[in-house]
Amino acid sequence: MLAPLVLAYTVEVFYQVRLQARFLEAIPQEVRAGFPRHPKRALFSFLASLRFQIAVLRYARLNLPDDAAATTYWKRRMRASIIRESILLGCLAVSTGVLLWLGWRPLGPGR
């Protein structure tokens, strides 16, 4: 019952890896240099620290007047992905709660 939500969430997370790499390639080099320590190759940025991930998400949420058109485009894509991930997590939490309330046990006696 939860498999479609888990699958959709997994697809979204894998999509975010490539999305974040493209976003980091689009932002100005001086902005990227201001982020906490991270891999030089944008594709490996998902391996960076939590501090770096939070800094990237904070920057993606900002609407700056001096942003280039490409940066603005990738910021919009990042924000949309954050919203999709949040919705999927909320649905997964509610679905799991309802199933548990109805007596479903993922690993219980009798299985």
N, C-alpha and C. Protein backbone atom coordinates (compact mmCIF):
# COMPACT_ATOMS: atom_id res chain seq x y z
N MET A 1 0.81 -1.20 0.00
CA MET A 1 0.00 0.00 0.00
C MET A 1 0.85 1.26 0.00
N LEU A 2 1.98 1.19 0.67
CA LEU A 2 2.86 2.35 0.72
C LEU A 2 3.85 2.39 -0.43
N ALA A 3 3.93 1.30 -1.18
CA ALA A 3 4.95 1.19 -2.23
C ALA A 3 4.89 2.33 -3.26
N PRO A 4 3.72 2.73 -3.75
CA PRO A 4 3.70 3.83 -4.74
C PRO A 4 4.27 5.13 -4.17
N LEU A 5 3.95 5.43 -2.90
CA LEU A 5 4.49 6.65 -2.29
C LEU A 5 5.99 6.55 -2.10
N VAL A 6 6.45 5.40 -1.65
CA VAL A 6 7.89 5.22 -1.44
C VAL A 6 8.62 5.30 -2.79
N LEU A 7 8.05 4.70 -3.82
CA LEU A 7 8.65 4.76 -5.14
C LEU A 7 8.70 6.20 -5.67
N ALA A 8 7.61 6.93 -5.53
CA ALA A 8 7.58 8.33 -5.98
C ALA A 8 8.59 9.17 -5.21
N TYR A 9 8.70 8.95 -3.91
CA TYR A 9 9.67 9.68 -3.10
C TYR A 9 11.10 9.35 -3.54
N THR A 10 11.37 8.09 -3.80
CA THR A 10 12.71 7.67 -4.22
C THR A 10 13.07 8.30 -5.56
N VAL A 11 12.13 8.32 -6.48
CA VAL A 11 12.37 8.95 -7.78
C VAL A 11 12.67 10.44 -7.60
N GLU A 12 11.93 11.10 -6.73
CA GLU A 12 12.13 12.53 -6.48
C GLU A 12 13.52 12.79 -5.90
N VAL A 13 13.95 11.96 -4.98
CA VAL A 13 15.27 12.15 -4.36
C VAL A 13 16.37 11.95 -5.41
N PHE A 14 16.26 10.93 -6.25
CA PHE A 14 17.27 10.74 -7.29
C PHE A 14 17.24 11.88 -8.30
N TYR A 15 16.07 12.41 -8.58
CA TYR A 15 15.97 13.58 -9.46
C TYR A 15 16.68 14.78 -8.83
N GLN A 16 16.56 14.92 -7.53
CA GLN A 16 17.18 16.05 -6.84
C GLN A 16 18.70 16.03 -6.91
N VAL A 17 19.29 14.85 -6.99
CA VAL A 17 20.75 14.76 -7.10
C VAL A 17 21.21 15.48 -8.36
N ARG A 18 20.60 15.16 -9.48
CA ARG A 18 20.97 15.81 -10.75
C ARG A 18 20.55 17.28 -10.76
N LEU A 19 19.39 17.56 -10.19
CA LEU A 19 18.91 18.94 -10.14
C LEU A 19 19.87 19.82 -9.35
N GLN A 20 20.34 19.33 -8.21
CA GLN A 20 21.27 20.12 -7.40
C GLN A 20 22.58 20.34 -8.15
N ALA A 21 23.04 19.34 -8.87
CA ALA A 21 24.27 19.50 -9.65
C ALA A 21 24.10 20.60 -10.71
N ARG A 22 23.00 20.58 -11.42
CA ARG A 22 22.75 21.61 -12.43
C ARG A 22 22.59 22.99 -11.79
N PHE A 23 21.94 23.03 -10.65
CA PHE A 23 21.77 24.30 -9.93
C PHE A 23 23.13 24.87 -9.54
N LEU A 24 24.01 24.03 -9.01
CA LEU A 24 25.33 24.51 -8.60
C LEU A 24 26.17 24.97 -9.79
N GLU A 25 25.97 24.36 -10.93
CA GLU A 25 26.69 24.80 -12.13
C GLU A 25 26.17 26.15 -12.63
N ALA A 26 24.91 26.47 -12.32
CA ALA A 26 24.30 27.70 -12.83
C ALA A 26 24.56 28.91 -11.94
N ILE A 27 24.85 28.69 -10.67
CA ILE A 27 25.04 29.85 -9.79
C ILE A 27 26.43 30.44 -9.97
N PRO A 28 26.59 31.72 -9.64
CA PRO A 28 27.90 32.36 -9.79
C PRO A 28 28.96 31.68 -8.92
N GLN A 29 30.18 31.67 -9.41
CA GLN A 29 31.29 31.01 -8.72
C GLN A 29 31.54 31.62 -7.34
N GLU A 30 31.40 32.93 -7.21
CA GLU A 30 31.66 33.57 -5.91
C GLU A 30 30.61 33.17 -4.87
N VAL A 31 29.38 32.94 -5.30
CA VAL A 31 28.34 32.47 -4.38
C VAL A 31 28.65 31.05 -3.94
N ARG A 32 29.01 30.22 -4.91
CA ARG A 32 29.33 28.82 -4.59
C ARG A 32 30.54 28.74 -3.66
N ALA A 33 31.50 29.62 -3.85
CA ALA A 33 32.69 29.62 -2.98
C ALA A 33 32.33 30.00 -1.55
N GLY A 34 31.24 30.72 -1.37
CA GLY A 34 30.81 31.11 -0.03
C GLY A 34 30.10 30.01 0.73
N PHE A 35 29.75 28.94 0.07
CA PHE A 35 29.10 27.81 0.74
C PHE A 35 30.12 27.05 1.60
N PRO A 36 29.64 26.32 2.61
CA PRO A 36 30.56 25.48 3.40
C PRO A 36 31.29 24.47 2.50
N ARG A 37 32.32 23.89 3.03
CA ARG A 37 33.16 22.95 2.28
C ARG A 37 32.31 21.90 1.55
N HIS A 38 32.65 21.66 0.27
CA HIS A 38 31.90 20.71 -0.55
C HIS A 38 32.77 20.19 -1.69
N PRO A 39 32.35 19.11 -2.35
CA PRO A 39 33.13 18.57 -3.47
C PRO A 39 33.23 19.58 -4.62
N LYS A 40 34.34 19.52 -5.33
CA LYS A 40 34.53 20.45 -6.45
C LYS A 40 33.61 20.13 -7.61
N ARG A 41 33.37 18.86 -7.86
CA ARG A 41 32.47 18.46 -8.94
C ARG A 41 31.03 18.56 -8.44
N ALA A 42 30.21 19.28 -9.19
CA ALA A 42 28.83 19.52 -8.78
C ALA A 42 28.03 18.23 -8.66
N LEU A 43 28.35 17.23 -9.47
CA LEU A 43 27.60 15.98 -9.45
C LEU A 43 27.76 15.23 -8.12
N PHE A 44 28.87 15.46 -7.43
CA PHE A 44 29.11 14.80 -6.14
C PHE A 44 28.65 15.65 -4.95
N SER A 45 27.94 16.72 -5.19
CA SER A 45 27.53 17.61 -4.11
C SER A 45 26.57 16.95 -3.12
N PHE A 46 25.89 15.88 -3.55
CA PHE A 46 24.99 15.19 -2.62
C PHE A 46 25.76 14.50 -1.51
N LEU A 47 27.06 14.34 -1.67
CA LEU A 47 27.89 13.73 -0.64
C LEU A 47 28.40 14.75 0.39
N ALA A 48 28.10 16.01 0.18
CA ALA A 48 28.59 17.07 1.05
C ALA A 48 27.87 17.05 2.40
N SER A 49 28.35 17.88 3.30
CA SER A 49 27.82 17.93 4.66
C SER A 49 26.40 18.50 4.70
N LEU A 50 25.75 18.29 5.83
CA LEU A 50 24.41 18.83 6.04
C LEU A 50 24.44 20.36 6.03
N ARG A 51 25.51 20.95 6.57
CA ARG A 51 25.64 22.41 6.56
C ARG A 51 25.62 22.94 5.13
N PHE A 52 26.31 22.25 4.24
CA PHE A 52 26.32 22.65 2.83
C PHE A 52 24.94 22.52 2.22
N GLN A 53 24.26 21.40 2.49
CA GLN A 53 22.93 21.18 1.92
C GLN A 53 21.95 22.27 2.39
N ILE A 54 22.02 22.62 3.65
CA ILE A 54 21.14 23.68 4.18
C ILE A 54 21.46 25.01 3.53
N ALA A 55 22.76 25.30 3.34
CA ALA A 55 23.15 26.56 2.69
C ALA A 55 22.62 26.62 1.25
N VAL A 56 22.69 25.52 0.54
CA VAL A 56 22.19 25.48 -0.85
C VAL A 56 20.68 25.71 -0.87
N LEU A 57 19.96 25.05 0.04
CA LEU A 57 18.51 25.22 0.07
C LEU A 57 18.11 26.64 0.47
N ARG A 58 18.85 27.23 1.39
CA ARG A 58 18.57 28.62 1.76
C ARG A 58 18.78 29.56 0.58
N TYR A 59 19.87 29.34 -0.14
CA TYR A 59 20.13 30.17 -1.31
C TYR A 59 19.06 29.97 -2.38
N ALA A 60 18.60 28.75 -2.55
CA ALA A 60 17.57 28.47 -3.56
C ALA A 60 16.26 29.17 -3.22
N ARG A 61 16.02 29.38 -1.94
CA ARG A 61 14.77 30.03 -1.53
C ARG A 61 14.79 31.54 -1.70
N LEU A 62 15.98 32.14 -1.82
CA LEU A 62 16.11 33.59 -1.93
C LEU A 62 15.80 34.07 -3.34
N ASN A 63 15.05 35.16 -3.43
CA ASN A 63 14.82 35.84 -4.71
C ASN A 63 15.68 37.10 -4.71
N LEU A 64 16.80 37.05 -5.39
CA LEU A 64 17.70 38.19 -5.43
C LEU A 64 17.54 38.93 -6.75
N PRO A 65 17.54 40.27 -6.70
CA PRO A 65 17.33 41.04 -7.93
C PRO A 65 18.48 40.90 -8.94
N ASP A 66 19.67 40.58 -8.47
CA ASP A 66 20.81 40.49 -9.39
C ASP A 66 21.07 39.07 -9.90
N ASP A 67 20.11 38.15 -9.69
CA ASP A 67 20.26 36.79 -10.20
C ASP A 67 20.14 36.77 -11.72
N ALA A 68 20.98 35.94 -12.34
CA ALA A 68 20.89 35.74 -13.79
C ALA A 68 19.63 34.93 -14.10
N ALA A 69 19.22 34.96 -15.34
CA ALA A 69 18.00 34.24 -15.74
C ALA A 69 18.15 32.74 -15.50
N ALA A 70 19.33 32.20 -15.77
CA ALA A 70 19.55 30.76 -15.57
C ALA A 70 19.47 30.41 -14.08
N THR A 71 20.01 31.25 -13.25
CA THR A 71 19.96 31.00 -11.80
C THR A 71 18.53 31.04 -11.30
N THR A 72 17.77 32.01 -11.75
CA THR A 72 16.37 32.11 -11.37
C THR A 72 15.59 30.87 -11.81
N TYR A 73 15.86 30.40 -13.01
CA TYR A 73 15.19 29.20 -13.53
C TYR A 73 15.47 27.99 -12.64
N TRP A 74 16.75 27.78 -12.30
CA TRP A 74 17.09 26.61 -11.48
C TRP A 74 16.62 26.76 -10.05
N LYS A 75 16.54 28.00 -9.56
CA LYS A 75 15.97 28.21 -8.22
C LYS A 75 14.50 27.80 -8.20
N ARG A 76 13.76 28.16 -9.24
CA ARG A 76 12.35 27.76 -9.31
C ARG A 76 12.21 26.24 -9.33
N ARG A 77 13.06 25.59 -10.10
CA ARG A 77 13.02 24.12 -10.17
C ARG A 77 13.35 23.50 -8.81
N MET A 78 14.33 24.07 -8.11
CA MET A 78 14.69 23.56 -6.77
C MET A 78 13.52 23.73 -5.80
N ARG A 79 12.89 24.89 -5.83
CA ARG A 79 11.76 25.13 -4.93
C ARG A 79 10.61 24.19 -5.22
N ALA A 80 10.32 23.95 -6.49
CA ALA A 80 9.25 23.01 -6.86
C ALA A 80 9.58 21.60 -6.36
N SER A 81 10.83 21.22 -6.46
CA SER A 81 11.23 19.89 -6.00
C SER A 81 11.11 19.78 -4.48
N ILE A 82 11.45 20.84 -3.77
CA ILE A 82 11.32 20.84 -2.31
C ILE A 82 9.85 20.67 -1.92
N ILE A 83 8.97 21.36 -2.63
CA ILE A 83 7.54 21.25 -2.34
C ILE A 83 7.04 19.84 -2.63
N ARG A 84 7.44 19.27 -3.77
CA ARG A 84 7.03 17.90 -4.11
C ARG A 84 7.51 16.91 -3.04
N GLU A 85 8.76 17.06 -2.62
CA GLU A 85 9.29 16.15 -1.61
C GLU A 85 8.52 16.29 -0.29
N SER A 86 8.21 17.50 0.10
CA SER A 86 7.45 17.73 1.33
C SER A 86 6.06 17.11 1.26
N ILE A 87 5.40 17.27 0.13
CA ILE A 87 4.07 16.68 -0.04
C ILE A 87 4.14 15.17 0.03
N LEU A 88 5.13 14.58 -0.64
CA LEU A 88 5.27 13.12 -0.62
C LEU A 88 5.57 12.61 0.79
N LEU A 89 6.43 13.32 1.53
CA LEU A 89 6.72 12.90 2.91
C LEU A 89 5.48 13.01 3.80
N GLY A 90 4.73 14.08 3.62
CA GLY A 90 3.50 14.24 4.39
C GLY A 90 2.49 13.14 4.09
N CYS A 91 2.32 12.83 2.82
CA CYS A 91 1.40 11.76 2.43
C CYS A 91 1.87 10.41 2.97
N LEU A 92 3.16 10.18 2.93
CA LEU A 92 3.70 8.92 3.45
C LEU A 92 3.48 8.81 4.95
N ALA A 93 3.69 9.90 5.67
CA ALA A 93 3.50 9.89 7.12
C ALA A 93 2.02 9.67 7.47
N VAL A 94 1.12 10.37 6.79
CA VAL A 94 -0.31 10.22 7.06
C VAL A 94 -0.78 8.81 6.70
N SER A 95 -0.34 8.31 5.55
CA SER A 95 -0.75 6.95 5.13
C SER A 95 -0.25 5.90 6.11
N THR A 96 0.98 6.04 6.56
CA THR A 96 1.52 5.09 7.53
C THR A 96 0.76 5.16 8.84
N GLY A 97 0.46 6.38 9.28
CA GLY A 97 -0.32 6.55 10.51
C GLY A 97 -1.70 5.94 10.42
N VAL A 98 -2.38 6.15 9.32
CA VAL A 98 -3.72 5.59 9.13
C VAL A 98 -3.66 4.07 9.09
N LEU A 99 -2.70 3.52 8.37
CA LEU A 99 -2.57 2.07 8.30
C LEU A 99 -2.26 1.46 9.66
N LEU A 100 -1.41 2.11 10.42
CA LEU A 100 -1.11 1.61 11.78
C LEU A 100 -2.34 1.70 12.66
N TRP A 101 -3.10 2.76 12.53
CA TRP A 101 -4.32 2.94 13.33
C TRP A 101 -5.35 1.87 12.99
N LEU A 102 -5.36 1.45 11.71
CA LEU A 102 -6.30 0.42 11.28
C LEU A 102 -5.83 -1.00 11.62
N GLY A 103 -4.64 -1.10 12.22
CA GLY A 103 -4.18 -2.41 12.65
C GLY A 103 -3.10 -3.03 11.79
N TRP A 104 -2.65 -2.34 10.78
CA TRP A 104 -1.59 -2.87 9.93
C TRP A 104 -0.28 -2.87 10.68
N ARG A 105 0.44 -3.97 10.59
CA ARG A 105 1.76 -4.06 11.20
C ARG A 105 2.73 -4.54 10.14
N PRO A 106 3.76 -3.74 9.82
CA PRO A 106 4.67 -4.13 8.75
C PRO A 106 5.47 -5.41 9.06
N LEU A 107 5.90 -5.56 10.28
CA LEU A 107 6.66 -6.76 10.68
C LEU A 107 6.11 -7.21 12.02
N GLY A 108 5.17 -8.07 11.99
CA GLY A 108 4.57 -8.51 13.25
C GLY A 108 4.36 -10.01 13.29
N PRO A 109 3.84 -10.49 14.41
CA PRO A 109 3.57 -11.92 14.50
C PRO A 109 2.52 -12.34 13.47
N GLY A 110 2.64 -13.56 13.04
CA GLY A 110 1.68 -14.08 12.09
C GLY A 110 2.08 -13.87 10.66
N ARG A 111 3.26 -13.36 10.44
CA ARG A 111 3.71 -13.13 9.05
C ARG A 111 4.70 -14.18 8.67
